[in-house]
């Protein structure tokens, strides 16, 4: 299994965007400390409906792409199996 098979690039990018920026060579903020300029807990703005729709559309596209990749893999394995069956029949 490849690393790409178990990860999703869009998920990685979302996680990376949420991570606080830390300058190289400087120690990070203590765990649990809010990033500088962060709003107090409970006062987060409501999620943007357009952004949610875009995220849902991207997730649907990711699922379609994954489904297509799996279907392609199945097709290639079936072709490989048919070729092996021909070889086996030739040996008998």
N, C-alpha and C. Protein backbone atom coordinates (compact mmCIF):
# COMPACT_ATOMS: atom_id res chain seq x y z
N UNK A 1 0.85 -1.17 0.00
CA UNK A 1 0.00 0.00 0.00
C UNK A 1 0.89 1.23 0.00
N UNK A 2 0.52 2.20 -0.79
CA UNK A 2 1.30 3.43 -0.89
C UNK A 2 0.79 4.45 0.14
N UNK A 3 1.66 5.38 0.49
CA UNK A 3 1.29 6.41 1.45
C UNK A 3 0.09 7.19 0.94
N UNK A 4 0.03 7.46 -0.38
CA UNK A 4 -1.06 8.22 -0.96
C UNK A 4 -2.40 7.52 -0.74
N UNK A 5 -2.39 6.19 -0.72
CA UNK A 5 -3.62 5.44 -0.55
C UNK A 5 -4.26 5.68 0.81
N UNK A 6 -3.47 6.04 1.81
CA UNK A 6 -4.03 6.19 3.16
C UNK A 6 -4.14 7.64 3.59
N UNK A 7 -3.82 8.56 2.70
CA UNK A 7 -3.93 9.97 3.05
C UNK A 7 -4.74 10.70 2.01
N UNK A 8 -5.18 11.86 2.37
CA UNK A 8 -5.94 12.71 1.47
C UNK A 8 -5.28 14.08 1.49
N UNK A 9 -4.84 14.53 0.35
CA UNK A 9 -4.08 15.78 0.29
C UNK A 9 -4.90 16.95 0.80
N UNK A 10 -6.19 17.00 0.46
CA UNK A 10 -7.00 18.12 0.91
C UNK A 10 -7.13 18.13 2.43
N UNK A 11 -7.23 16.94 3.04
CA UNK A 11 -7.27 16.88 4.51
C UNK A 11 -5.96 17.38 5.09
N UNK A 12 -4.84 17.00 4.48
CA UNK A 12 -3.54 17.45 4.96
C UNK A 12 -3.44 18.97 4.89
N UNK A 13 -3.91 19.55 3.78
CA UNK A 13 -3.83 21.00 3.63
C UNK A 13 -4.70 21.71 4.65
N UNK A 14 -5.88 21.14 4.95
CA UNK A 14 -6.75 21.75 5.96
C UNK A 14 -6.08 21.73 7.33
N UNK A 15 -5.46 20.60 7.66
CA UNK A 15 -4.79 20.48 8.95
C UNK A 15 -3.63 21.46 9.02
N UNK A 16 -2.88 21.56 7.93
CA UNK A 16 -1.73 22.45 7.90
C UNK A 16 -2.16 23.91 8.06
N UNK A 17 -3.32 24.27 7.48
CA UNK A 17 -3.80 25.64 7.61
C UNK A 17 -4.19 25.96 9.05
N UNK A 18 -4.63 24.96 9.79
CA UNK A 18 -5.06 25.16 11.16
C UNK A 18 -3.88 25.24 12.13
N UNK A 19 -2.74 24.73 11.72
CA UNK A 19 -1.58 24.71 12.61
C UNK A 19 -1.04 26.13 12.79
N UNK A 20 -0.61 26.47 14.02
CA UNK A 20 -0.04 27.80 14.23
C UNK A 20 1.32 27.91 13.54
N UNK A 21 1.59 29.07 13.04
CA UNK A 21 2.88 29.30 12.37
C UNK A 21 3.97 29.46 13.42
N UNK A 22 5.05 28.74 13.25
CA UNK A 22 6.18 28.81 14.18
C UNK A 22 7.42 29.09 13.35
N UNK A 23 8.16 30.11 13.72
CA UNK A 23 9.38 30.44 12.99
C UNK A 23 10.42 29.35 13.22
N UNK A 24 11.22 29.03 12.19
CA UNK A 24 12.25 28.00 12.35
C UNK A 24 13.24 28.37 13.45
N UNK A 25 13.60 27.41 14.25
CA UNK A 25 14.59 27.64 15.30
C UNK A 25 14.03 28.21 16.58
N UNK A 26 12.72 28.47 16.62
CA UNK A 26 12.13 29.00 17.85
C UNK A 26 11.27 27.91 18.47
N UNK A 27 11.22 27.87 19.79
CA UNK A 27 10.38 26.86 20.41
C UNK A 27 8.91 27.16 20.16
N UNK A 28 8.09 26.12 20.05
CA UNK A 28 6.66 26.29 19.80
C UNK A 28 5.95 26.75 21.07
N UNK A 29 4.72 27.14 20.90
CA UNK A 29 3.91 27.57 22.04
C UNK A 29 3.60 26.35 22.90
N UNK A 30 3.38 26.53 24.18
CA UNK A 30 3.04 25.40 25.03
C UNK A 30 1.74 24.75 24.56
N UNK A 31 1.63 23.46 24.79
CA UNK A 31 0.42 22.77 24.39
C UNK A 31 -0.78 23.36 25.09
N UNK A 32 -1.86 23.53 24.35
CA UNK A 32 -3.08 24.07 24.93
C UNK A 32 -3.14 25.58 24.92
N UNK A 33 -2.05 26.25 24.59
CA UNK A 33 -2.06 27.70 24.56
C UNK A 33 -2.67 28.17 23.24
N UNK A 34 -3.55 29.16 23.27
CA UNK A 34 -4.14 29.64 22.03
C UNK A 34 -3.10 30.41 21.22
N UNK A 35 -3.21 30.38 19.90
CA UNK A 35 -2.27 31.13 19.08
C UNK A 35 -2.44 32.63 19.31
N UNK A 36 -1.41 33.42 19.07
CA UNK A 36 -1.52 34.86 19.28
C UNK A 36 -2.64 35.44 18.42
N UNK A 37 -3.45 36.32 19.03
CA UNK A 37 -4.53 36.98 18.31
C UNK A 37 -5.77 36.11 18.16
N UNK A 38 -5.79 34.96 18.80
CA UNK A 38 -6.95 34.07 18.69
C UNK A 38 -8.10 34.62 19.52
N UNK A 39 -9.29 34.42 19.01
CA UNK A 39 -10.48 34.86 19.73
C UNK A 39 -10.71 33.92 20.91
N UNK A 40 -11.34 34.42 21.97
CA UNK A 40 -11.62 33.55 23.11
C UNK A 40 -12.53 32.39 22.70
N UNK A 41 -12.42 31.30 23.44
CA UNK A 41 -13.23 30.12 23.16
C UNK A 41 -14.71 30.47 23.23
N UNK A 42 -15.50 29.89 22.33
CA UNK A 42 -16.93 30.13 22.34
C UNK A 42 -17.34 31.32 21.50
N UNK A 43 -16.40 32.09 20.95
CA UNK A 43 -16.77 33.25 20.16
C UNK A 43 -16.33 33.09 18.70
N UNK A 44 -16.23 31.83 18.26
CA UNK A 44 -15.82 31.57 16.88
C UNK A 44 -16.93 32.01 15.93
N UNK A 45 -16.56 32.57 14.79
CA UNK A 45 -17.58 32.98 13.83
C UNK A 45 -18.26 31.74 13.25
N UNK A 46 -19.51 31.89 12.83
CA UNK A 46 -20.20 30.74 12.24
C UNK A 46 -19.52 30.34 10.94
N UNK A 47 -19.55 29.06 10.61
CA UNK A 47 -18.89 28.61 9.38
C UNK A 47 -19.55 29.23 8.15
N UNK A 48 -18.75 29.54 7.16
CA UNK A 48 -19.23 30.14 5.93
C UNK A 48 -19.94 29.06 5.10
N UNK A 49 -21.22 29.26 4.76
CA UNK A 49 -21.95 28.24 3.99
C UNK A 49 -21.31 27.95 2.63
N UNK A 50 -20.78 28.96 1.97
CA UNK A 50 -20.13 28.74 0.68
C UNK A 50 -18.89 27.87 0.85
N UNK A 51 -18.13 28.12 1.90
CA UNK A 51 -16.93 27.33 2.16
C UNK A 51 -17.32 25.88 2.46
N UNK A 52 -18.38 25.70 3.23
CA UNK A 52 -18.84 24.35 3.53
C UNK A 52 -19.25 23.63 2.25
N UNK A 53 -19.94 24.32 1.35
CA UNK A 53 -20.36 23.71 0.09
C UNK A 53 -19.15 23.34 -0.75
N UNK A 54 -18.15 24.21 -0.77
CA UNK A 54 -16.93 23.92 -1.53
C UNK A 54 -16.22 22.69 -0.95
N UNK A 55 -16.16 22.63 0.38
CA UNK A 55 -15.50 21.50 1.03
C UNK A 55 -16.26 20.20 0.75
N UNK A 56 -17.57 20.26 0.80
CA UNK A 56 -18.38 19.07 0.53
C UNK A 56 -18.22 18.64 -0.93
N UNK A 57 -18.18 19.61 -1.84
CA UNK A 57 -17.99 19.29 -3.25
C UNK A 57 -16.62 18.66 -3.48
N UNK A 58 -15.60 19.19 -2.81
CA UNK A 58 -14.25 18.64 -2.94
C UNK A 58 -14.19 17.22 -2.39
N UNK A 59 -14.86 16.99 -1.27
CA UNK A 59 -14.89 15.65 -0.69
C UNK A 59 -15.60 14.68 -1.62
N UNK A 60 -16.68 15.12 -2.25
CA UNK A 60 -17.39 14.27 -3.21
C UNK A 60 -16.50 13.95 -4.40
N UNK A 61 -15.77 14.95 -4.87
CA UNK A 61 -14.85 14.75 -5.99
C UNK A 61 -13.73 13.79 -5.59
N UNK A 62 -13.21 13.92 -4.39
CA UNK A 62 -12.17 13.02 -3.89
C UNK A 62 -12.69 11.58 -3.85
N UNK A 63 -13.93 11.41 -3.37
CA UNK A 63 -14.51 10.07 -3.32
C UNK A 63 -14.68 9.50 -4.73
N UNK A 64 -15.11 10.33 -5.68
CA UNK A 64 -15.27 9.86 -7.06
C UNK A 64 -13.92 9.44 -7.64
N UNK A 65 -12.90 10.23 -7.39
CA UNK A 65 -11.56 9.90 -7.88
C UNK A 65 -11.05 8.61 -7.27
N UNK A 66 -11.28 8.44 -5.97
CA UNK A 66 -10.85 7.21 -5.31
C UNK A 66 -11.59 6.01 -5.88
N UNK A 67 -12.89 6.16 -6.12
CA UNK A 67 -13.68 5.08 -6.70
C UNK A 67 -13.15 4.72 -8.07
N UNK A 68 -12.83 5.72 -8.88
CA UNK A 68 -12.30 5.48 -10.24
C UNK A 68 -10.97 4.74 -10.16
N UNK A 69 -10.09 5.15 -9.24
CA UNK A 69 -8.81 4.48 -9.09
C UNK A 69 -9.00 3.00 -8.72
N UNK A 70 -9.91 2.74 -7.82
CA UNK A 70 -10.17 1.37 -7.40
C UNK A 70 -10.73 0.56 -8.56
N UNK A 71 -11.65 1.15 -9.31
CA UNK A 71 -12.21 0.45 -10.47
C UNK A 71 -11.12 0.14 -11.49
N UNK A 72 -10.22 1.08 -11.70
CA UNK A 72 -9.10 0.85 -12.63
C UNK A 72 -8.20 -0.28 -12.14
N UNK A 73 -7.94 -0.31 -10.84
CA UNK A 73 -7.12 -1.38 -10.26
C UNK A 73 -7.79 -2.73 -10.44
N UNK A 74 -9.10 -2.78 -10.22
CA UNK A 74 -9.85 -4.03 -10.38
C UNK A 74 -9.77 -4.50 -11.83
N UNK A 75 -9.94 -3.56 -12.76
CA UNK A 75 -9.89 -3.92 -14.18
C UNK A 75 -8.53 -4.49 -14.56
N UNK A 76 -7.46 -3.85 -14.08
CA UNK A 76 -6.12 -4.34 -14.43
C UNK A 76 -5.87 -5.72 -13.81
N UNK A 77 -6.35 -5.94 -12.59
CA UNK A 77 -6.19 -7.25 -11.94
C UNK A 77 -6.99 -8.32 -12.69
N UNK A 78 -8.17 -7.96 -13.17
CA UNK A 78 -8.98 -8.92 -13.93
C UNK A 78 -8.28 -9.29 -15.24
N UNK A 79 -7.68 -8.29 -15.88
CA UNK A 79 -6.93 -8.56 -17.12
C UNK A 79 -5.73 -9.46 -16.83
N UNK A 80 -5.05 -9.19 -15.73
CA UNK A 80 -3.91 -10.01 -15.34
C UNK A 80 -4.36 -11.44 -15.04
N UNK A 81 -5.48 -11.58 -14.36
CA UNK A 81 -6.01 -12.90 -14.04
C UNK A 81 -6.38 -13.66 -15.32
N UNK A 82 -7.01 -12.98 -16.26
CA UNK A 82 -7.38 -13.63 -17.53
C UNK A 82 -6.13 -14.12 -18.26
N UNK A 83 -5.07 -13.33 -18.25
CA UNK A 83 -3.82 -13.73 -18.90
C UNK A 83 -3.21 -14.95 -18.20
N UNK A 84 -3.24 -14.97 -16.88
CA UNK A 84 -2.72 -16.12 -16.13
C UNK A 84 -3.55 -17.37 -16.40
N UNK A 85 -4.87 -17.20 -16.54
CA UNK A 85 -5.72 -18.34 -16.83
C UNK A 85 -5.39 -18.91 -18.22
N UNK A 86 -5.10 -18.03 -19.18
CA UNK A 86 -4.70 -18.48 -20.52
C UNK A 86 -3.39 -19.26 -20.44
N UNK A 87 -2.46 -18.76 -19.65
CA UNK A 87 -1.17 -19.45 -19.50
C UNK A 87 -1.37 -20.83 -18.87
N UNK A 88 -2.24 -20.89 -17.87
CA UNK A 88 -2.51 -22.16 -17.20
C UNK A 88 -3.17 -23.14 -18.17
N UNK A 89 -4.09 -22.68 -18.97
CA UNK A 89 -4.76 -23.55 -19.94
C UNK A 89 -3.75 -24.07 -20.98
N UNK A 90 -2.77 -23.26 -21.34
CA UNK A 90 -1.77 -23.67 -22.32
C UNK A 90 -0.86 -24.74 -21.74
N UNK A 91 -0.64 -24.75 -20.44
CA UNK A 91 0.24 -25.73 -19.79
C UNK A 91 -0.44 -27.09 -19.68
N UNK A 92 -1.74 -27.14 -19.50
CA UNK A 92 -2.47 -28.42 -19.30
C UNK A 92 -2.35 -29.34 -20.45
